[in-house]
Amino acid sequence: MIYDMKPWQWVKHVVFHPTEGYEDMRWKKAGSLKIAFFIVFLLFCSQVFSARYGGFAYNMKAYSDVFNIVPILVQSVAYYATWVVANWSICTLFDGEGNMRRVAIYTAYALVPYIVCNFLATLVSYGITLDESIWYTAISQVGLWWSVVLMIFGMKACHQYSFTMTIVSMICTVLGMLLILCLLALVMSLFQQVYVFFATIYTEILYRVRS
């Protein structure tokens, strides 16, 4: 049965009924990019919240004076964007039916359990000791694997693959992500070297003019 739902209601439908939820969403051409990007923003916020405000017993680095937000930005927004680009590129070669918009939406919706459990685990870390860490670990793992299951069903519905082909395409997507990140690192390193080169020339010219 296909429901006439508001955009935000599709998130709940997909999270709790992934098998039919993603298929229904594909058939109805539902899903919102605005909601998807908001979910990614919440992913970033949950990572910051966990890294900065986690319980002392589970995250001693959170109480240091130095806090760098760049790695968290990479681990959330950059990884998400890289996954979307890599998955769309790989599945285009594998005759997948999904477009980049659909991949972006389905991927973001699959992250909801991980985000919720990340927030919850961080809050729980304040009230439990290391001897009770099983609760912290359980909440984190439930969120992670729930999102993994949603991701599998999402990519399966998005590209209309078999289960085996979905797993193969996701493995190839991870390899594609590594390739993209390596290329980006090389490009950034190249630009840094060019910047240093011209900055050195500019400094040398100023020194000679002033002398």
Foldseek 3Di string as FASTA:
>chain_A
DADDDDQVVLLVCCLVPVQVSLLSCVVVVGFDPVVLVVLLVLQLVLLCCLQQQAACQVHVNNPDPDDDSVVSCCVGVVLLVLLLVLLQVLVVVVQFPAHSSLSSGQLSSLLVLQSVLSNVLRVVRNPDHPVPCVVSVVSNVVSVVSSVVSNLSSQCSRRVDDSVVSVVSSVSSVVSSVVVVVVVVVVVVVVVVVVVVVVVVVVVVVVVVVD
